[in-house]
Amino acid sequence: FLDIQMPGFDGFEVVRNLQVDDMPLVIFVTAFDQFAIKAFEIHAVDYILKPADTEHLSRALAHAKESIRDKKANTDKQKLINAISEITGKKPSIMEEWLDSEDGIPKHYPEKITIKDDRKITLLPIREIDWVDAAGDYMCIHATGKIHIVRTTMKQLENQLDPVIFQRIHRSTIVNLNRVKEIISHINGEYNLVLNGDVELKMSRSYKDKLQHFL
């Protein structure tokens, strides 16, 4: 298991400096998704994003054991396509088109959010979200007049939302830019945003640089 950024050597330098005939299998565990292609170019077994979950770690170990036991010889390109397809959630056929293009792999944002409520699972289209606010360890997602409760952090939810459409305006609030119809300024340097349906949200002074996204 190797991280990418480490003191002294980074993970790729460690692999390059392993002077052995029978290379060990390498699984990268890192917070940086932008190095996935480079990792598989040096034949990494898997690429796990932090925070690592038990299921993905177990799956990576199973892949490594299978490779050792069966000596399967998938092509390097196909390994790369399958692994990054799993990371991004895109079909392998789409991944192959991206890999063959000059533009490379774009940042992927899901089209839906999965919301679990007892035995019910709701697939909420992200485009329907009006705004989000935090309530302790839960996020309240306001969409089409309904409130959906999700157990997650503000940061984790923010990472699923396209910043071209969604911006954080407060420590505990994210808003859909397309829903904002008015911006009201106050003498204390704060702003209020009025959304469709006349919902009024406070934009704190520390986030006022986000105004450029509304104009």
Protein backbone atom coordinates (compact mmCIF):
# COMPACT_ATOMS: atom_id res chain seq x y z
CA PHE A 1 0.00 0.00 0.00
CA LEU A 2 1.40 3.38 -1.01
CA ASP A 3 0.30 6.97 -0.61
CA ILE A 4 1.07 9.49 -3.36
CA GLN A 5 2.47 12.42 -1.39
CA MET A 6 4.99 11.36 1.25
CA PRO A 7 8.11 12.98 2.72
CA GLY A 8 11.33 12.15 0.90
CA PHE A 9 9.91 10.10 -1.98
CA ASP A 10 6.43 10.24 -3.45
CA GLY A 11 4.66 6.98 -4.20
CA PHE A 12 5.67 6.92 -7.85
CA GLU A 13 9.36 7.42 -7.00
CA VAL A 14 9.17 4.51 -4.59
CA VAL A 15 7.91 2.24 -7.38
CA ARG A 16 10.54 3.51 -9.84
CA ASN A 17 13.30 2.80 -7.33
CA LEU A 18 12.27 -0.78 -6.61
CA GLN A 19 15.06 -2.67 -8.38
CA VAL A 20 13.67 -6.21 -8.26
CA ASP A 21 12.90 -8.80 -10.92
CA ASP A 22 9.57 -9.79 -9.39
CA MET A 23 7.78 -6.52 -8.64
CA PRO A 24 5.40 -6.45 -5.68
CA LEU A 25 1.77 -5.62 -6.36
CA VAL A 26 0.99 -1.99 -5.53
CA ILE A 27 -2.27 -0.51 -4.24
CA PHE A 28 -2.33 3.28 -3.98
CA VAL A 29 -4.34 4.82 -1.13
CA THR A 30 -4.49 8.60 -1.47
CA ALA A 31 -6.68 11.69 -1.24
CA PHE A 32 -5.72 12.85 -4.76
CA ASP A 33 -7.94 11.55 -7.60
CA GLN A 34 -5.92 13.35 -10.31
CA PHE A 35 -3.10 10.76 -10.20
CA ALA A 36 -5.28 7.74 -11.07
CA ILE A 37 -4.12 7.47 -14.70
CA LYS A 38 -0.46 7.79 -13.74
CA ALA A 39 -0.90 5.11 -11.08
CA PHE A 40 -2.25 2.56 -13.53
CA GLU A 41 0.42 3.43 -16.08
CA ILE A 42 2.85 1.86 -13.63
CA HIS A 43 0.54 -1.18 -13.29
CA ALA A 44 -1.00 -0.49 -9.88
CA VAL A 45 -3.53 -3.12 -8.81
CA ASP A 46 -5.96 -0.53 -7.52
CA TYR A 47 -6.33 3.15 -6.62
CA ILE A 48 -8.30 3.87 -3.45
CA LEU A 49 -9.43 7.36 -2.53
CA LYS A 50 -9.33 8.47 1.11
CA PRO A 51 -11.17 8.11 3.34
CA ALA A 52 -10.75 4.43 2.44
CA ASP A 53 -13.70 2.17 3.20
CA THR A 54 -13.45 -1.45 4.29
CA GLU A 55 -15.35 -2.74 1.26
CA HIS A 56 -12.96 -1.15 -1.25
CA LEU A 57 -9.88 -2.26 0.72
CA SER A 58 -11.17 -5.84 0.82
CA ARG A 59 -11.94 -5.76 -2.89
CA ALA A 60 -8.44 -4.45 -3.69
CA LEU A 61 -6.83 -7.19 -1.60
CA ALA A 62 -8.98 -9.79 -3.35
CA HIS A 63 -7.79 -8.46 -6.72
CA ALA A 64 -4.18 -8.63 -5.58
CA LYS A 65 -4.53 -12.20 -4.28
CA GLU A 66 -6.24 -13.25 -7.49
CA SER A 67 -3.42 -11.75 -9.56
CA ILE A 68 -0.82 -13.60 -7.52
CA ARG A 69 -2.74 -16.87 -7.59
CA ASP A 70 -3.88 -16.96 -11.19
CA LYS A 71 -1.34 -14.68 -12.91
CA LYS A 72 -4.09 -13.25 -15.04
CA ALA A 73 -2.80 -11.12 -17.90
CA ASN A 74 -5.37 -8.42 -18.58
CA THR A 75 -4.00 -5.63 -20.72
CA ASP A 76 -2.72 -2.56 -18.89
CA LYS A 77 -5.22 -0.38 -20.72
CA GLN A 78 -8.19 -2.53 -19.76
CA LYS A 79 -7.09 -2.55 -16.11
CA LEU A 80 -6.94 1.21 -16.24
CA ILE A 81 -10.34 1.52 -17.88
CA ASN A 82 -12.05 -0.81 -15.39
CA ALA A 83 -10.46 0.77 -12.31
CA ILE A 84 -11.18 4.38 -13.26
CA SER A 85 -14.65 3.39 -14.43
CA GLU A 86 -15.28 2.18 -10.89
CA ILE A 87 -13.92 5.41 -9.40
CA THR A 88 -15.98 7.69 -11.65
CA GLY A 89 -19.11 5.57 -12.00
CA LYS A 90 -18.96 5.82 -15.81
CA LYS A 91 -19.36 2.85 -18.16
CA PRO A 92 -16.08 1.29 -19.42
CA SER A 93 -17.03 2.15 -23.01
CA ILE A 94 -17.26 5.86 -22.09
CA MET A 95 -13.96 5.65 -20.19
CA GLU A 96 -12.25 4.21 -23.25
CA GLU A 97 -13.47 7.10 -25.41
CA TRP A 98 -12.13 9.58 -22.84
CA LEU A 99 -8.76 7.85 -22.62
CA ASP A 100 -8.41 7.93 -26.40
CA SER A 101 -9.34 11.62 -26.60
CA GLU A 102 -6.86 14.47 -26.29
CA ASP A 103 -8.89 16.17 -23.55
CA GLY A 104 -8.58 13.28 -21.10
CA ILE A 105 -11.05 12.45 -18.34
CA PRO A 106 -13.28 15.33 -17.16
CA LYS A 107 -14.34 15.83 -13.56
CA HIS A 108 -17.43 13.71 -13.01
CA TYR A 109 -20.43 14.74 -10.95
CA PRO A 110 -23.32 12.33 -10.33
CA GLU A 111 -26.71 13.10 -11.85
CA LYS A 112 -28.61 11.77 -8.83
CA ILE A 113 -28.21 11.55 -5.07
CA THR A 114 -29.31 8.40 -3.26
CA ILE A 115 -31.43 9.13 -0.20
CA LYS A 116 -32.22 6.25 2.17
CA ASP A 117 -35.19 6.48 4.52
CA ASP A 118 -35.92 3.28 6.45
CA ARG A 119 -36.79 0.78 3.70
CA LYS A 120 -37.31 3.45 1.05
CA ILE A 121 -34.59 4.65 -1.33
CA THR A 122 -35.12 7.86 -3.30
CA LEU A 123 -33.02 8.71 -6.35
CA LEU A 124 -33.16 12.51 -6.35
CA PRO A 125 -32.04 14.26 -9.57
CA ILE A 126 -29.42 16.81 -8.55
CA ARG A 127 -30.81 19.39 -10.97
CA GLU A 128 -33.97 19.53 -8.80
CA ILE A 129 -32.08 20.67 -5.68
CA ASP A 130 -32.87 24.27 -4.70
CA TRP A 131 -30.63 24.60 -1.67
CA VAL A 132 -29.04 22.62 1.16
CA ASP A 133 -28.53 23.43 4.82
CA ALA A 134 -26.81 21.56 7.63
CA ALA A 135 -28.55 20.22 10.73
CA GLY A 136 -25.94 18.63 12.96
CA ASP A 137 -24.69 15.40 11.34
CA TYR A 138 -27.42 15.60 8.70
CA MET A 139 -27.99 17.61 5.53
CA CYS A 140 -31.45 18.96 4.67
CA ILE A 141 -31.83 18.92 0.89
CA HIS A 142 -34.62 21.24 -0.30
CA ALA A 143 -35.95 20.19 -3.68
CA THR A 144 -39.28 20.91 -5.45
CA GLY A 145 -41.02 21.87 -2.22
CA LYS A 146 -39.84 18.81 -0.26
CA ILE A 147 -37.08 18.34 2.33
CA HIS A 148 -34.90 15.22 2.12
CA ILE A 149 -32.67 14.29 5.08
CA VAL A 150 -29.26 12.73 4.38
CA ARG A 151 -26.66 11.64 6.91
CA THR A 152 -23.43 13.07 5.48
CA THR A 153 -21.11 16.04 5.93
CA MET A 154 -21.36 19.36 4.15
CA LYS A 155 -17.96 18.77 2.53
CA GLN A 156 -18.87 15.31 1.25
CA LEU A 157 -22.12 16.58 -0.25
CA GLU A 158 -20.40 19.63 -1.74
CA ASN A 159 -17.93 17.35 -3.54
CA GLN A 160 -20.84 15.68 -5.35
CA LEU A 161 -22.22 18.95 -6.68
CA ASP A 162 -20.99 20.74 -9.81
CA PRO A 163 -19.56 24.13 -8.68
CA VAL A 164 -20.75 25.67 -11.95
CA ILE A 165 -24.29 25.18 -10.61
CA PHE A 166 -23.91 24.93 -6.82
CA GLN A 167 -22.00 27.29 -4.53
CA ARG A 168 -21.53 27.45 -0.79
CA ILE A 169 -22.74 30.78 0.62
CA HIS A 170 -22.44 30.03 4.32
CA ARG A 171 -20.66 27.53 6.54
CA SER A 172 -23.87 25.52 6.58
CA THR A 173 -25.59 26.45 3.28
CA ILE A 174 -25.19 25.49 -0.40
CA VAL A 175 -27.41 27.07 -3.06
CA ASN A 176 -28.34 26.25 -6.64
CA LEU A 177 -27.25 29.36 -8.60
CA ASN A 178 -30.07 28.87 -11.10
CA ARG A 179 -32.65 29.37 -8.34
CA VAL A 180 -31.38 32.81 -7.21
CA LYS A 181 -33.53 35.70 -8.46
CA GLU A 182 -32.43 38.59 -6.18
CA ILE A 183 -29.36 39.67 -4.19
CA ILE A 184 -29.94 42.03 -1.26
CA SER A 185 -26.93 43.78 0.31
CA HIS A 186 -26.65 44.94 3.92
CA ILE A 187 -24.48 47.66 5.48
CA ASN A 188 -22.67 45.08 7.63
CA GLY A 189 -21.18 43.49 4.51
CA GLU A 190 -23.52 40.53 4.40
CA TYR A 191 -25.97 39.61 1.65
CA ASN A 192 -29.30 37.84 1.44
CA LEU A 193 -30.19 35.75 -1.57
CA VAL A 194 -33.81 35.44 -2.61
CA LEU A 195 -34.64 32.20 -4.39
CA ASN A 196 -37.60 31.26 -6.54
CA GLY A 197 -40.51 30.77 -4.18
CA ASP A 198 -39.30 33.75 -2.13
CA VAL A 199 -36.99 31.69 0.08
CA GLU A 200 -34.41 34.06 1.58
CA LEU A 201 -30.94 32.77 2.50
CA LYS A 202 -28.11 34.53 4.29
CA MET A 203 -24.70 34.81 2.62
CA SER A 204 -22.00 35.37 5.23
CA ARG A 205 -19.23 37.93 4.72
CA SER A 206 -16.57 35.22 4.48
CA TYR A 207 -18.29 33.91 1.32
CA LYS A 208 -18.99 37.22 -0.40
CA ASP A 209 -16.31 36.47 -3.02
CA LYS A 210 -18.83 33.93 -4.37
CA LEU A 211 -20.96 36.81 -5.69
CA GLN A 212 -19.12 36.63 -8.99
CA HIS A 213 -20.83 33.27 -9.64
CA PHE A 214 -24.26 34.90 -9.49
CA LEU A 215 -23.54 37.74 -11.91
